[in-house]
Amino acid sequence: MERNRPRGERAILYLIIACDVFFWVLLAAGLGARYIKGWKRLGGGILLCVPLLDIVLLGATVISLKDGMEVGIWHGLSAAYLGFTVAFGHDTLCWADAKFGRRFGGIPEQPRPVLYGRARVLREWRSWLRFLLAYAVGCALLLGMTWFVGGVERGAPLLAWLNPLTKILIYSLVWPVIVTIRPGQAPEEETSRAGGQ
C-alpha cells in the first residue's frame, strides 16, 4: 500500500497536466470549427466545454481527498492552478478568439493598446487585479480543502502553497508600481500629430 501512495498522489499532477493540454486542444478545436470550418454553433459548443475542465479537476481533487488519499503537494497545486484558470482563462479565450478571427475570419485588427500614460497605468493595475483574483480563489480553495480533510495537521501540505502564492502576488505588484511612477510618454510622432491639429 505504501508504494502505491506516491503514484496515487501523482495522479492529481497527471490530471492537472491533462486538463492544461485539453484546454488548448478544446480551444483550438472550438476556434477552428468557428472560423476555419464556419461551424459557429459547434465551435461555440466546444468552447463552452472549456470551463468544464476546471470542474473535472476540482471534483477529482475533492474525491481523492474524500477517499482518504494522503494529502500531498499536488492537491495544493490543483488549487493554485484552478485559481489562475479562473482569473486568466477568460482573457486567454478572448485573446485566442481575436487571433483566430483576424487570421481566418477576416475580422479587422483592433487598435493596439496604449502603452504610455494613464491608459498604461490602468492597464497594468487591471492585470494585477487578475493576479489578486487568482490568489484569492487559490487561497480560498486551499483553506476549504484544509477544512475538508480535517484541519491543519492533515492539511499542512495544502497550506504550504500559501507561501509561494503570496510571493507571486507580491512580486507581481512590482511592475504596476513601477509603471505608475514612470508611465512613459507618447511617441514623438503622436505628439507632433496632436500639436499639428
N, C-alpha and C. Protein backbone atom coordinates (compact mmCIF):
# COMPACT_ATOMS: atom_id res chain seq x y z
N MET A 1 0.83 -1.21 0.00
CA MET A 1 0.00 0.00 0.00
C MET A 1 0.87 1.27 0.00
N GLU A 2 1.97 1.23 0.78
CA GLU A 2 2.82 2.40 0.86
C GLU A 2 3.41 2.77 -0.50
N ARG A 3 3.74 1.73 -1.30
CA ARG A 3 4.33 2.01 -2.60
C ARG A 3 3.33 2.69 -3.53
N ASN A 4 2.06 2.41 -3.36
CA ASN A 4 1.04 2.95 -4.26
C ASN A 4 0.68 4.39 -3.93
N ARG A 5 1.02 4.82 -2.71
CA ARG A 5 0.60 6.16 -2.30
C ARG A 5 1.18 7.26 -3.19
N PRO A 6 2.50 7.30 -3.42
CA PRO A 6 3.03 8.37 -4.27
C PRO A 6 2.45 8.35 -5.66
N ARG A 7 2.20 7.13 -6.18
CA ARG A 7 1.61 7.04 -7.52
C ARG A 7 0.21 7.64 -7.52
N GLY A 8 -0.56 7.35 -6.44
CA GLY A 8 -1.91 7.91 -6.33
C GLY A 8 -1.89 9.42 -6.22
N GLU A 9 -0.93 9.94 -5.44
CA GLU A 9 -0.81 11.39 -5.31
C GLU A 9 -0.43 12.03 -6.64
N ARG A 10 0.46 11.36 -7.40
CA ARG A 10 0.87 11.92 -8.69
C ARG A 10 -0.26 11.91 -9.71
N ALA A 11 -1.29 11.11 -9.45
CA ALA A 11 -2.43 11.10 -10.37
C ALA A 11 -3.04 12.49 -10.50
N ILE A 12 -3.02 13.26 -9.42
CA ILE A 12 -3.54 14.63 -9.47
C ILE A 12 -2.65 15.49 -10.37
N LEU A 13 -1.34 15.31 -10.27
CA LEU A 13 -0.42 16.04 -11.15
C LEU A 13 -0.70 15.70 -12.61
N TYR A 14 -0.86 14.40 -12.90
CA TYR A 14 -1.15 13.99 -14.28
C TYR A 14 -2.47 14.58 -14.76
N LEU A 15 -3.43 14.68 -13.85
CA LEU A 15 -4.73 15.25 -14.23
C LEU A 15 -4.60 16.74 -14.52
N ILE A 16 -3.78 17.43 -13.74
CA ILE A 16 -3.55 18.87 -13.99
C ILE A 16 -2.93 19.06 -15.37
N ILE A 17 -1.93 18.24 -15.68
CA ILE A 17 -1.28 18.33 -16.99
C ILE A 17 -2.28 18.03 -18.10
N ALA A 18 -3.11 16.98 -17.88
CA ALA A 18 -4.12 16.61 -18.89
C ALA A 18 -5.11 17.74 -19.09
N CYS A 19 -5.55 18.37 -18.00
CA CYS A 19 -6.51 19.48 -18.11
C CYS A 19 -5.90 20.64 -18.88
N ASP A 20 -4.62 20.92 -18.63
CA ASP A 20 -3.96 22.01 -19.35
C ASP A 20 -3.86 21.70 -20.83
N VAL A 21 -3.50 20.46 -21.16
CA VAL A 21 -3.40 20.05 -22.57
C VAL A 21 -4.77 20.12 -23.24
N PHE A 22 -5.79 19.59 -22.57
CA PHE A 22 -7.14 19.60 -23.15
C PHE A 22 -7.70 21.01 -23.27
N PHE A 23 -7.27 21.92 -22.38
CA PHE A 23 -7.69 23.32 -22.52
C PHE A 23 -7.31 23.85 -23.90
N TRP A 24 -6.03 23.63 -24.28
CA TRP A 24 -5.56 24.13 -25.57
C TRP A 24 -6.15 23.35 -26.73
N VAL A 25 -6.37 22.05 -26.53
CA VAL A 25 -6.99 21.23 -27.59
C VAL A 25 -8.41 21.71 -27.86
N LEU A 26 -9.20 21.87 -26.79
CA LEU A 26 -10.58 22.32 -26.96
C LEU A 26 -10.63 23.74 -27.52
N LEU A 27 -9.71 24.58 -27.06
CA LEU A 27 -9.66 25.96 -27.56
C LEU A 27 -9.39 25.98 -29.05
N ALA A 28 -8.38 25.21 -29.49
CA ALA A 28 -8.05 25.16 -30.92
C ALA A 28 -9.17 24.54 -31.73
N ALA A 29 -9.79 23.47 -31.19
CA ALA A 29 -10.88 22.81 -31.91
C ALA A 29 -12.10 23.72 -32.04
N GLY A 30 -12.43 24.41 -30.95
CA GLY A 30 -13.58 25.31 -30.99
C GLY A 30 -13.39 26.48 -31.93
N LEU A 31 -12.22 27.10 -31.87
CA LEU A 31 -11.95 28.24 -32.75
C LEU A 31 -11.76 27.79 -34.19
N GLY A 32 -11.17 26.61 -34.38
CA GLY A 32 -11.03 26.07 -35.74
C GLY A 32 -12.39 25.80 -36.36
N ALA A 33 -13.29 25.20 -35.57
CA ALA A 33 -14.65 24.93 -36.08
C ALA A 33 -15.37 26.23 -36.39
N ARG A 34 -15.18 27.24 -35.54
CA ARG A 34 -15.90 28.51 -35.73
C ARG A 34 -15.40 29.29 -36.93
N TYR A 35 -14.07 29.41 -37.07
CA TYR A 35 -13.52 30.31 -38.08
C TYR A 35 -13.03 29.61 -39.34
N ILE A 36 -12.45 28.41 -39.20
CA ILE A 36 -11.92 27.74 -40.38
C ILE A 36 -13.02 26.99 -41.12
N LYS A 37 -13.85 26.25 -40.38
CA LYS A 37 -14.93 25.48 -40.99
C LYS A 37 -16.23 26.26 -41.12
N GLY A 38 -16.37 27.32 -40.35
CA GLY A 38 -17.60 28.11 -40.39
C GLY A 38 -18.73 27.49 -39.60
N TRP A 39 -18.43 26.53 -38.72
CA TRP A 39 -19.45 25.88 -37.89
C TRP A 39 -19.54 26.64 -36.57
N LYS A 40 -20.28 27.73 -36.58
CA LYS A 40 -20.29 28.62 -35.41
C LYS A 40 -20.93 27.98 -34.19
N ARG A 41 -22.02 27.26 -34.39
CA ARG A 41 -22.68 26.63 -33.24
C ARG A 41 -21.81 25.54 -32.62
N LEU A 42 -21.25 24.71 -33.47
CA LEU A 42 -20.38 23.64 -32.97
C LEU A 42 -19.16 24.24 -32.27
N GLY A 43 -18.56 25.25 -32.88
CA GLY A 43 -17.41 25.91 -32.27
C GLY A 43 -17.75 26.50 -30.91
N GLY A 44 -18.91 27.16 -30.83
CA GLY A 44 -19.34 27.72 -29.55
C GLY A 44 -19.58 26.64 -28.52
N GLY A 45 -20.17 25.53 -28.96
CA GLY A 45 -20.42 24.41 -28.04
C GLY A 45 -19.12 23.82 -27.49
N ILE A 46 -18.14 23.69 -28.36
CA ILE A 46 -16.84 23.16 -27.91
C ILE A 46 -16.19 24.13 -26.91
N LEU A 47 -16.27 25.41 -27.21
CA LEU A 47 -15.67 26.40 -26.30
C LEU A 47 -16.37 26.43 -24.95
N LEU A 48 -17.67 26.13 -24.93
CA LEU A 48 -18.39 26.07 -23.66
C LEU A 48 -17.91 24.91 -22.78
N CYS A 49 -17.28 23.92 -23.41
CA CYS A 49 -16.76 22.77 -22.65
C CYS A 49 -15.46 23.09 -21.91
N VAL A 50 -14.80 24.19 -22.30
CA VAL A 50 -13.51 24.52 -21.69
C VAL A 50 -13.62 24.69 -20.17
N PRO A 51 -14.61 25.46 -19.65
CA PRO A 51 -14.69 25.60 -18.18
C PRO A 51 -15.00 24.29 -17.46
N LEU A 52 -15.53 23.30 -18.17
CA LEU A 52 -15.82 22.02 -17.53
C LEU A 52 -14.55 21.34 -17.04
N LEU A 53 -13.42 21.65 -17.67
CA LEU A 53 -12.15 21.06 -17.24
C LEU A 53 -11.83 21.44 -15.80
N ASP A 54 -12.14 22.69 -15.42
CA ASP A 54 -11.92 23.11 -14.04
C ASP A 54 -12.80 22.33 -13.07
N ILE A 55 -14.04 22.09 -13.49
CA ILE A 55 -14.95 21.33 -12.64
C ILE A 55 -14.47 19.89 -12.47
N VAL A 56 -13.97 19.31 -13.57
CA VAL A 56 -13.43 17.94 -13.51
C VAL A 56 -12.24 17.88 -12.54
N LEU A 57 -11.32 18.84 -12.67
CA LEU A 57 -10.15 18.84 -11.80
C LEU A 57 -10.53 19.04 -10.34
N LEU A 58 -11.42 19.99 -10.07
CA LEU A 58 -11.85 20.23 -8.70
C LEU A 58 -12.55 19.01 -8.13
N GLY A 59 -13.45 18.41 -8.94
CA GLY A 59 -14.16 17.22 -8.49
C GLY A 59 -13.22 16.06 -8.19
N ALA A 60 -12.25 15.84 -9.07
CA ALA A 60 -11.29 14.74 -8.87
C ALA A 60 -10.45 14.97 -7.62
N THR A 61 -10.06 16.23 -7.39
CA THR A 61 -9.27 16.54 -6.20
C THR A 61 -10.06 16.27 -4.93
N VAL A 62 -11.31 16.73 -4.90
CA VAL A 62 -12.17 16.53 -3.72
C VAL A 62 -12.43 15.04 -3.49
N ILE A 63 -12.71 14.31 -4.57
CA ILE A 63 -12.99 12.87 -4.43
C ILE A 63 -11.77 12.13 -3.89
N SER A 64 -10.57 12.49 -4.40
CA SER A 64 -9.37 11.81 -3.92
C SER A 64 -9.13 12.09 -2.44
N LEU A 65 -9.43 13.31 -2.00
CA LEU A 65 -9.28 13.63 -0.58
C LEU A 65 -10.35 12.93 0.26
N LYS A 66 -11.54 12.84 -0.28
CA LYS A 66 -12.64 12.18 0.44
C LYS A 66 -12.37 10.69 0.60
N ASP A 67 -11.71 10.10 -0.40
CA ASP A 67 -11.43 8.66 -0.36
C ASP A 67 -10.26 8.32 0.56
N GLY A 68 -9.72 9.32 1.24
CA GLY A 68 -8.67 9.05 2.21
C GLY A 68 -7.26 9.05 1.66
N MET A 69 -7.08 9.49 0.41
CA MET A 69 -5.73 9.56 -0.14
C MET A 69 -4.89 10.53 0.70
N GLU A 70 -3.63 10.19 0.89
CA GLU A 70 -2.75 11.07 1.65
C GLU A 70 -2.66 12.43 0.97
N VAL A 71 -2.83 13.47 1.76
CA VAL A 71 -2.79 14.83 1.22
C VAL A 71 -1.36 15.14 0.80
N GLY A 72 -1.20 15.58 -0.46
CA GLY A 72 0.13 15.86 -0.99
C GLY A 72 0.20 17.23 -1.63
N ILE A 73 1.40 17.57 -2.08
CA ILE A 73 1.61 18.90 -2.67
C ILE A 73 0.82 19.07 -3.96
N TRP A 74 0.51 17.95 -4.66
CA TRP A 74 -0.20 18.07 -5.93
C TRP A 74 -1.65 18.49 -5.72
N HIS A 75 -2.23 18.14 -4.57
CA HIS A 75 -3.58 18.63 -4.26
C HIS A 75 -3.55 20.16 -4.13
N GLY A 76 -2.49 20.67 -3.49
CA GLY A 76 -2.35 22.12 -3.37
C GLY A 76 -2.11 22.78 -4.72
N LEU A 77 -1.35 22.10 -5.57
CA LEU A 77 -1.10 22.65 -6.91
C LEU A 77 -2.40 22.74 -7.70
N SER A 78 -3.29 21.79 -7.51
CA SER A 78 -4.57 21.85 -8.23
C SER A 78 -5.36 23.09 -7.82
N ALA A 79 -5.31 23.45 -6.53
CA ALA A 79 -5.99 24.65 -6.06
C ALA A 79 -5.37 25.90 -6.68
N ALA A 80 -4.03 25.95 -6.70
CA ALA A 80 -3.34 27.10 -7.31
C ALA A 80 -3.65 27.19 -8.80
N TYR A 81 -3.63 26.05 -9.48
CA TYR A 81 -3.92 26.01 -10.92
C TYR A 81 -5.34 26.52 -11.20
N LEU A 82 -6.30 26.06 -10.38
CA LEU A 82 -7.69 26.49 -10.57
C LEU A 82 -7.83 27.99 -10.36
N GLY A 83 -7.09 28.53 -9.39
CA GLY A 83 -7.13 29.98 -9.16
C GLY A 83 -6.70 30.76 -10.39
N PHE A 84 -5.63 30.30 -11.04
CA PHE A 84 -5.12 31.01 -12.22
C PHE A 84 -6.02 30.80 -13.43
N THR A 85 -6.64 29.61 -13.57
CA THR A 85 -7.53 29.42 -14.72
C THR A 85 -8.80 30.25 -14.57
N VAL A 86 -9.29 30.38 -13.34
CA VAL A 86 -10.47 31.23 -13.12
C VAL A 86 -10.14 32.68 -13.46
N ALA A 87 -8.96 33.15 -13.03
CA ALA A 87 -8.59 34.55 -13.23
C ALA A 87 -8.20 34.88 -14.66
N PHE A 88 -7.49 33.95 -15.33
CA PHE A 88 -6.92 34.26 -16.64
C PHE A 88 -7.52 33.46 -17.80
N GLY A 89 -8.38 32.49 -17.49
CA GLY A 89 -8.94 31.65 -18.55
C GLY A 89 -9.75 32.44 -19.56
N HIS A 90 -10.62 33.34 -19.08
CA HIS A 90 -11.47 34.11 -19.99
C HIS A 90 -10.64 35.02 -20.89
N ASP A 91 -9.64 35.67 -20.31
CA ASP A 91 -8.77 36.55 -21.10
C ASP A 91 -8.02 35.76 -22.18
N THR A 92 -7.59 34.54 -21.82
CA THR A 92 -6.90 33.69 -22.79
C THR A 92 -7.83 33.32 -23.93
N LEU A 93 -9.08 32.99 -23.60
CA LEU A 93 -10.08 32.68 -24.64
C LEU A 93 -10.29 33.87 -25.57
N CYS A 94 -10.43 35.05 -24.98
CA CYS A 94 -10.66 36.26 -25.80
C CYS A 94 -9.45 36.56 -26.69
N TRP A 95 -8.25 36.40 -26.13
CA TRP A 95 -7.03 36.64 -26.91
C TRP A 95 -6.94 35.68 -28.10
N ALA A 96 -7.19 34.39 -27.83
CA ALA A 96 -7.11 33.39 -28.91
C ALA A 96 -8.22 33.62 -29.94
N ASP A 97 -9.41 34.00 -29.47
CA ASP A 97 -10.52 34.25 -30.38
C ASP A 97 -10.20 35.41 -31.32
N ALA A 98 -9.58 36.48 -30.77
CA ALA A 98 -9.21 37.63 -31.59
C ALA A 98 -8.16 37.23 -32.62
N LYS A 99 -7.18 36.42 -32.21
CA LYS A 99 -6.13 35.97 -33.14
C LYS A 99 -6.71 35.13 -34.27
N PHE A 100 -7.55 34.15 -33.93
CA PHE A 100 -8.17 33.31 -34.95
C PHE A 100 -9.08 34.13 -35.85
N GLY A 101 -9.83 35.06 -35.24
CA GLY A 101 -10.75 35.88 -36.02
C GLY A 101 -10.04 36.72 -37.07
N ARG A 102 -8.90 37.28 -36.71
CA ARG A 102 -8.13 38.07 -37.65
C ARG A 102 -7.50 37.20 -38.73
N ARG A 103 -7.01 36.03 -38.31
CA ARG A 103 -6.27 35.16 -39.25
C ARG A 103 -7.19 34.43 -40.21
N PHE A 104 -8.32 33.94 -39.70
CA PHE A 104 -9.18 33.07 -40.52
C PHE A 104 -10.59 33.62 -40.76
N GLY A 105 -11.00 34.60 -39.96
CA GLY A 105 -12.38 35.08 -40.07
C GLY A 105 -12.53 36.42 -40.72
N GLY A 106 -11.42 37.04 -41.12
CA GLY A 106 -11.50 38.34 -41.77
C GLY A 106 -11.90 39.47 -40.85
N ILE A 107 -11.79 39.27 -39.56
CA ILE A 107 -12.14 40.33 -38.61
C ILE A 107 -11.01 41.36 -38.60
N PRO A 108 -11.34 42.64 -38.72
CA PRO A 108 -10.28 43.66 -38.76
C PRO A 108 -9.50 43.70 -37.45
N GLU A 109 -8.23 44.04 -37.58
CA GLU A 109 -7.36 44.09 -36.40
C GLU A 109 -7.74 45.26 -35.52
N GLN A 110 -7.79 44.98 -34.21
CA GLN A 110 -8.12 46.03 -33.25
C GLN A 110 -6.91 46.94 -33.04
N PRO A 111 -7.16 48.20 -32.71
CA PRO A 111 -6.02 49.10 -32.44
C PRO A 111 -5.20 48.58 -31.26
N ARG A 112 -3.91 48.76 -31.34
CA ARG A 112 -3.02 48.30 -30.28
C ARG A 112 -3.27 49.09 -29.01
N PRO A 113 -3.11 48.43 -27.85
CA PRO A 113 -3.34 49.15 -26.59
C PRO A 113 -2.31 50.27 -26.40
N VAL A 114 -2.74 51.32 -25.75
CA VAL A 114 -1.85 52.44 -25.46
C VAL A 114 -0.84 52.00 -24.41
N LEU A 115 0.44 52.21 -24.70
CA LEU A 115 1.49 51.74 -23.81
C LEU A 115 2.23 52.88 -23.11
N TYR A 116 1.48 53.93 -22.80
CA TYR A 116 2.07 55.06 -22.09
C TYR A 116 0.96 55.81 -21.36
N GLY A 117 1.35 56.61 -20.41
CA GLY A 117 0.42 57.48 -19.72
C GLY A 117 -0.59 56.77 -18.84
N ARG A 118 -1.69 57.46 -18.60
CA ARG A 118 -2.73 56.97 -17.69
C ARG A 118 -3.33 55.65 -18.17
N ALA A 119 -3.51 55.51 -19.48
CA ALA A 119 -4.09 54.28 -20.02
C ALA A 119 -3.22 53.07 -19.69
N ARG A 120 -1.91 53.27 -19.78
CA ARG A 120 -1.00 52.17 -19.47
C ARG A 120 -1.05 51.82 -17.99
N VAL A 121 -1.11 52.84 -17.13
CA VAL A 121 -1.19 52.60 -15.69
C VAL A 121 -2.44 51.79 -15.35
N LEU A 122 -3.57 52.19 -15.91
CA LEU A 122 -4.82 51.48 -15.65
C LEU A 122 -4.75 50.04 -16.16
N ARG A 123 -4.13 49.86 -17.32
CA ARG A 123 -4.00 48.52 -17.91
C ARG A 123 -3.18 47.60 -17.00
N GLU A 124 -2.07 48.11 -16.46
CA GLU A 124 -1.21 47.30 -15.61
C GLU A 124 -1.89 46.97 -14.29
N TRP A 125 -2.64 47.89 -13.73
CA TRP A 125 -3.33 47.61 -12.47
C TRP A 125 -4.48 46.63 -12.67
N ARG A 126 -5.15 46.72 -13.83
CA ARG A 126 -6.19 45.71 -14.12
C ARG A 126 -5.57 44.33 -14.22
N SER A 127 -4.41 44.25 -14.85
CA SER A 127 -3.71 42.98 -14.96
C SER A 127 -3.33 42.44 -13.58
N TRP A 128 -2.88 43.33 -12.69
CA TRP A 128 -2.52 42.88 -11.35
C TRP A 128 -3.74 42.40 -10.59
N LEU A 129 -4.88 43.04 -10.83
CA LEU A 129 -6.11 42.59 -10.16
C LEU A 129 -6.46 41.16 -10.55
N ARG A 130 -6.05 40.74 -11.76
CA ARG A 130 -6.23 39.34 -12.15
C ARG A 130 -5.38 38.43 -11.26
N PHE A 131 -4.15 38.86 -10.97
CA PHE A 131 -3.32 38.09 -10.05
C PHE A 131 -3.96 38.03 -8.66
N LEU A 132 -4.54 39.14 -8.24
CA LEU A 132 -5.21 39.18 -6.94
C LEU A 132 -6.38 38.21 -6.91
N LEU A 133 -7.15 38.16 -8.00
CA LEU A 133 -8.27 37.22 -8.08
C LEU A 133 -7.77 35.78 -8.05
N ALA A 134 -6.70 35.49 -8.81
CA ALA A 134 -6.12 34.14 -8.80
C ALA A 134 -5.68 33.77 -7.40
N TYR A 135 -5.05 34.71 -6.72
CA TYR A 135 -4.59 34.48 -5.35
C TYR A 135 -5.77 34.20 -4.41
N ALA A 136 -6.80 35.01 -4.52
CA ALA A 136 -7.97 34.85 -3.63
C ALA A 136 -8.66 33.51 -3.85
N VAL A 137 -8.85 33.14 -5.12
CA VAL A 137 -9.51 31.85 -5.42
C VAL A 137 -8.63 30.69 -4.96
N GLY A 138 -7.33 30.76 -5.26
CA GLY A 138 -6.41 29.69 -4.85
C GLY A 138 -6.38 29.53 -3.35
N CYS A 139 -6.27 30.64 -2.61
CA CYS A 139 -6.23 30.57 -1.14
C CYS A 139 -7.54 30.05 -0.57
N ALA A 140 -8.65 30.50 -1.15
CA ALA A 140 -9.95 30.02 -0.67
C ALA A 140 -10.07 28.50 -0.86
N LEU A 141 -9.62 28.00 -1.99
CA LEU A 141 -9.66 26.56 -2.24
C LEU A 141 -8.73 25.80 -1.30
N LEU A 142 -7.54 26.35 -1.06
CA LEU A 142 -6.60 25.71 -0.14
C LEU A 142 -7.16 25.63 1.27
N LEU A 143 -7.75 26.73 1.73
CA LEU A 143 -8.33 26.74 3.07
C LEU A 143 -9.54 25.82 3.15
N GLY A 144 -10.36 25.82 2.07
CA GLY A 144 -11.51 24.92 2.04
C GLY A 144 -11.10 23.46 2.06
N MET A 145 -10.06 23.12 1.30
CA MET A 145 -9.58 21.74 1.28
C MET A 145 -9.00 21.34 2.64
N THR A 146 -8.30 22.29 3.29
CA THR A 146 -7.73 22.02 4.61
C THR A 146 -8.84 21.70 5.61
N TRP A 147 -9.90 22.49 5.57
CA TRP A 147 -11.05 22.22 6.43
C TRP A 147 -11.68 20.86 6.07
N PHE A 148 -11.75 20.57 4.78
CA PHE A 148 -12.39 19.34 4.29
C PHE A 148 -11.66 18.09 4.79
N VAL A 149 -10.33 18.16 4.86
CA VAL A 149 -9.56 16.98 5.27
C VAL A 149 -9.39 16.87 6.78
N GLY A 150 -9.95 17.85 7.52
CA GLY A 150 -9.95 17.71 8.97
C GLY A 150 -9.04 18.65 9.73
N GLY A 151 -8.49 19.64 9.05
CA GLY A 151 -7.71 20.62 9.79
C GLY A 151 -6.26 20.72 9.36
N VAL A 152 -5.53 21.55 10.11
CA VAL A 152 -4.16 21.92 9.74
C VAL A 152 -3.22 20.72 9.78
N GLU A 153 -3.41 19.82 10.74
CA GLU A 153 -2.47 18.71 10.90
C GLU A 153 -2.38 17.87 9.63
N ARG A 154 -3.53 17.51 9.07
CA ARG A 154 -3.52 16.71 7.85
C ARG A 154 -3.35 17.58 6.61
N GLY A 155 -3.81 18.82 6.68
CA GLY A 155 -3.79 19.69 5.51
C GLY A 155 -2.55 20.56 5.37
N ALA A 156 -1.50 20.27 6.15
CA ALA A 156 -0.28 21.09 6.09
C ALA A 156 0.32 21.19 4.69
N PRO A 157 0.35 20.08 3.89
CA PRO A 157 0.89 20.21 2.52
C PRO A 157 0.09 21.17 1.64
N LEU A 158 -1.19 21.34 1.96
CA LEU A 158 -2.01 22.29 1.21
C LEU A 158 -1.64 23.72 1.59
N LEU A 159 -1.54 23.97 2.90
CA LEU A 159 -1.23 25.33 3.37
C LEU A 159 0.16 25.77 2.98
N ALA A 160 1.05 24.82 2.69
CA ALA A 160 2.40 25.18 2.25
C ALA A 160 2.37 26.01 0.98
N TRP A 161 1.30 25.90 0.19
CA TRP A 161 1.19 26.66 -1.06
C TRP A 161 0.87 28.13 -0.84
N LEU A 162 0.44 28.49 0.39
CA LEU A 162 0.15 29.90 0.65
C LEU A 162 1.40 30.76 0.51
N ASN A 163 2.56 30.21 0.87
CA ASN A 163 3.81 30.97 0.79
C ASN A 163 4.17 31.33 -0.65
N PRO A 164 4.30 30.36 -1.59
CA PRO A 164 4.64 30.75 -2.96
C PRO A 164 3.57 31.61 -3.63
N LEU A 165 2.30 31.34 -3.33
CA LEU A 165 1.23 32.15 -3.93
C LEU A 165 1.32 33.60 -3.46
N THR A 166 1.62 33.79 -2.17
CA THR A 166 1.76 35.15 -1.64
C THR A 166 2.97 35.85 -2.27
N LYS A 167 4.07 35.12 -2.44
CA LYS A 167 5.25 35.71 -3.08
C LYS A 167 4.96 36.12 -4.51
N ILE A 168 4.24 35.27 -5.25
CA ILE A 168 3.88 35.62 -6.63
C ILE A 168 3.05 36.89 -6.66
N LEU A 169 2.08 36.99 -5.74
CA LEU A 169 1.24 38.19 -5.69
C LEU A 169 2.06 39.43 -5.40
N ILE A 170 2.98 39.34 -4.44
CA ILE A 170 3.81 40.49 -4.07
C ILE A 170 4.75 40.88 -5.20
N TYR A 171 5.42 39.88 -5.81
CA TYR A 171 6.34 40.17 -6.91
C TYR A 171 5.60 40.77 -8.11
N SER A 172 4.39 40.29 -8.35
CA SER A 172 3.62 40.81 -9.49
C SER A 172 3.19 42.25 -9.26
N LEU A 173 3.24 42.71 -8.00
CA LEU A 173 2.86 44.08 -7.68
C LEU A 173 3.94 45.08 -8.09
N VAL A 174 5.16 44.59 -8.25
CA VAL A 174 6.29 45.49 -8.54
C VAL A 174 6.07 46.23 -9.86
N TRP A 175 5.64 45.51 -10.90
CA TRP A 175 5.55 46.12 -12.22
C TRP A 175 4.51 47.25 -12.29
N PRO A 176 3.25 47.06 -11.82
CA PRO A 176 2.32 48.19 -11.87
C PRO A 176 2.77 49.38 -11.03
N VAL A 177 3.48 49.14 -9.94
CA VAL A 177 4.00 50.26 -9.14
C VAL A 177 5.04 51.04 -9.95
N ILE A 178 5.94 50.32 -10.64
CA ILE A 178 6.95 50.98 -11.48
C ILE A 178 6.28 51.77 -12.59
N VAL A 179 5.28 51.18 -13.23
CA VAL A 179 4.59 51.86 -14.33
C VAL A 179 3.84 53.09 -13.81
N THR A 180 3.29 53.01 -12.59
CA THR A 180 2.61 54.17 -12.01
C THR A 180 3.58 55.31 -11.79
N ILE A 181 4.79 54.99 -11.35
CA ILE A 181 5.81 56.01 -11.12
C ILE A 181 6.34 56.57 -12.44
N ARG A 182 6.56 55.66 -13.40
CA ARG A 182 7.09 56.07 -14.71
C ARG A 182 6.20 55.51 -15.82
N PRO A 183 5.07 56.17 -16.10
CA PRO A 183 4.12 55.63 -17.08
C PRO A 183 4.53 55.77 -18.53
N GLY A 184 5.62 56.48 -18.79
CA GLY A 184 6.05 56.68 -20.17
C GLY A 184 5.33 57.84 -20.84
N GLN A 185 5.84 58.21 -22.00
CA GLN A 185 5.27 59.33 -22.74
C GLN A 185 4.87 58.88 -24.13
N ALA A 186 4.02 59.67 -24.73
CA ALA A 186 3.56 59.36 -26.09
C ALA A 186 4.74 59.42 -27.05
N PRO A 187 4.75 58.52 -28.07
CA PRO A 187 5.80 58.60 -29.10
C PRO A 187 5.81 59.97 -29.76
N GLU A 188 6.97 60.36 -30.28
CA GLU A 188 7.12 61.71 -30.84
C GLU A 188 6.17 61.99 -31.99
N GLU A 189 5.91 60.95 -32.84
CA GLU A 189 5.05 61.21 -33.99
C GLU A 189 3.62 61.52 -33.55
N GLU A 190 3.16 60.87 -32.46
CA GLU A 190 1.82 61.16 -31.97
C GLU A 190 1.76 62.54 -31.35
N THR A 191 2.81 62.94 -30.64
CA THR A 191 2.86 64.26 -30.03
C THR A 191 2.83 65.35 -31.08
N SER A 192 3.64 65.15 -32.15
CA SER A 192 3.70 66.15 -33.21
C SER A 192 2.38 66.21 -34.00
N ARG A 193 1.74 65.02 -34.15
CA ARG A 193 0.46 64.98 -34.86
C ARG A 193 -0.61 65.74 -34.09
N ALA A 194 -0.61 65.52 -32.74
CA ALA A 194 -1.58 66.21 -31.90
C ALA A 194 -1.33 67.73 -31.91
N GLY A 195 -0.04 68.11 -31.93
CA GLY A 195 0.30 69.53 -31.96
C GLY A 195 -0.10 70.18 -33.27
N GLY A 196 -0.01 69.43 -34.38
CA GLY A 196 -0.37 69.97 -35.69
C GLY A 196 -1.84 70.19 -35.83
N GLN A 197 -2.64 69.36 -35.09
CA GLN A 197 -4.09 69.56 -35.15
C GLN A 197 -4.49 70.73 -34.29
